[in-house]
Protein backbone atom coordinates (compact mmCIF):
# COMPACT_ATOMS: atom_id res chain seq x y z
CA UNK A 1 0.00 0.00 0.00
CA UNK A 2 1.37 3.40 -0.95
CA UNK A 3 2.36 5.67 1.92
CA UNK A 4 0.25 8.51 0.50
CA UNK A 5 -2.77 6.38 -0.43
CA UNK A 6 -5.12 8.75 1.41
CA UNK A 7 -4.28 11.55 -1.03
CA UNK A 8 -5.69 9.50 -3.90
CA UNK A 9 -9.11 8.94 -2.33
CA UNK A 10 -11.89 11.23 -3.47
CA UNK A 11 -15.28 11.48 -1.86
CA UNK A 12 -18.13 13.93 -1.58
CA UNK A 13 -19.09 12.76 1.92
CA UNK A 14 -17.73 15.26 4.51
CA UNK A 15 -17.11 12.65 7.22
CA UNK A 16 -15.15 10.44 4.83
CA UNK A 17 -13.21 13.44 3.54
CA UNK A 18 -12.19 14.32 7.09
CA UNK A 19 -11.07 10.88 8.23
CA UNK A 20 -9.43 9.91 4.96
CA UNK A 21 -6.80 12.57 5.66
CA UNK A 22 -4.18 12.09 8.33
CA UNK A 23 -5.10 13.10 11.86
CA UNK A 24 -3.43 15.72 14.01
CA UNK A 25 -1.03 13.48 15.94
CA UNK A 26 2.61 12.99 15.01
CA UNK A 27 3.32 9.25 14.91
CA UNK A 28 6.17 7.21 16.38
CA UNK A 29 6.99 3.58 15.73
CA UNK A 30 8.38 1.25 18.35
CA UNK A 31 9.69 -2.28 17.70
CA UNK A 32 10.39 -4.98 20.23
CA UNK A 33 11.00 -8.71 20.27
CA UNK A 34 7.81 -10.43 21.35
CA UNK A 35 9.35 -13.44 23.01
CA UNK A 36 7.20 -15.71 20.83
CA UNK A 37 8.62 -17.42 17.75
CA UNK A 38 5.37 -17.13 15.77
CA UNK A 39 4.95 -13.43 16.53
CA UNK A 40 8.46 -12.35 15.68
CA UNK A 41 9.16 -8.69 16.31
CA UNK A 42 6.18 -6.56 17.33
CA UNK A 43 5.64 -3.14 15.82
CA UNK A 44 3.65 -0.47 17.65
CA UNK A 45 2.44 2.70 15.94
CA UNK A 46 1.40 5.36 18.44
CA UNK A 47 0.85 9.10 18.91
CA UNK A 48 4.26 10.62 19.69
CA UNK A 49 2.88 12.89 22.42
CA UNK A 50 2.08 9.75 24.37
CA UNK A 51 5.76 9.74 25.38
CA UNK A 52 5.31 12.91 27.42
CA UNK A 53 1.67 13.09 28.52
CA UNK A 54 -0.47 11.03 30.86
CA UNK A 55 -3.50 10.66 28.61
CA UNK A 56 -5.07 7.33 27.72
CA UNK A 57 -5.39 6.23 24.11
CA UNK A 58 -7.53 3.56 22.47
CA UNK A 59 -5.66 0.52 21.17
CA UNK A 60 -6.05 -1.69 18.12
CA UNK A 61 -4.45 -5.15 18.23
CA UNK A 62 -4.16 -6.65 14.77
CA UNK A 63 -4.93 -10.28 13.94
CA UNK A 64 -3.24 -11.31 10.71
CA UNK A 65 -5.59 -14.15 9.88
CA UNK A 66 -5.18 -13.83 6.12
CA UNK A 67 -1.50 -14.75 6.11
CA UNK A 68 -0.32 -11.16 5.80
CA UNK A 69 2.04 -9.67 8.42
CA UNK A 70 1.26 -6.28 9.94
CA UNK A 71 4.17 -4.69 8.08
CA UNK A 72 2.12 -4.82 4.87
CA UNK A 73 -0.46 -2.52 6.49
CA UNK A 74 2.02 -0.01 7.90
CA UNK A 75 0.48 2.96 6.06
CA UNK A 76 -2.98 2.15 7.44
CA UNK A 77 -1.69 1.65 10.98
CA UNK A 78 0.26 4.90 10.84
CA UNK A 79 -2.93 6.60 9.66
CA UNK A 80 -4.85 5.23 12.66
CA UNK A 81 -2.10 6.38 15.02
CA UNK A 82 -2.33 9.87 13.51
CA UNK A 83 -5.92 9.93 14.81
CA UNK A 84 -4.84 8.98 18.34
CA UNK A 85 -4.87 5.18 18.30
CA UNK A 86 -2.15 2.81 19.49
CA UNK A 87 -1.82 0.02 16.91
CA UNK A 88 0.03 -3.21 17.73
CA UNK A 89 1.02 -5.58 14.94
CA UNK A 90 3.12 -8.71 14.62
CA UNK A 91 4.62 -10.92 11.94
CA UNK A 92 2.28 -13.79 12.80
CA UNK A 93 0.78 -15.05 9.54
CA UNK A 94 -1.88 -17.27 11.07
CA UNK A 95 -3.70 -15.58 13.94
CA UNK A 96 -6.90 -17.60 13.68
CA UNK A 97 -6.88 -18.73 17.31
CA UNK A 98 -6.33 -15.31 18.89
CA UNK A 99 -3.27 -16.40 20.86
CA UNK A 100 -0.93 -13.98 19.11
CA UNK A 101 -3.37 -11.07 19.48
CA UNK A 102 -3.67 -11.74 23.19
CA UNK A 103 0.10 -11.95 23.59
CA UNK A 104 0.59 -8.76 21.56
CA UNK A 105 -1.79 -6.73 23.69
CA UNK A 106 0.57 -6.82 26.66
CA UNK A 107 3.23 -4.95 24.69
CA UNK A 108 1.60 -1.54 24.37
CA UNK A 109 4.06 1.26 25.22
CA UNK A 110 2.02 2.27 28.28
CA UNK A 111 2.47 -1.26 29.65
CA UNK A 112 6.22 -0.75 29.91
C-alpha cells in the first residue's frame, strides 16, 4: 500500500473526507521482540505525544488471519495512530486462534 494512499481517495461525503486525511497526531513507531517465535518482532504505531503526557489512548491489536504480516499494512496503521490510536502488529501469519493477538496486547508502550 502506498504511503500517501489517502491523497488518492476522493469522496463527496464530509465525514469520509475528514477521516481519509491524516489526523493531528505525530506518529512514532516502536519495535520490540515479542518473546514468541510465531509473533516475531512486534511493531507499535502510536501518537508521539504519548511519550510525554499522561492521557489514555484507544488501542487496536491486529490479527493477521489472512496470512499477511502487519508490516504490509504499515500505512494504514500509521494513519490510525495519527488519529490517536495505538496500533500493535506482529509478523504472525496465522492468527486464527487469537493467541498472538492476546500476547501482543501486553506490549503496548504504556504497559512498559
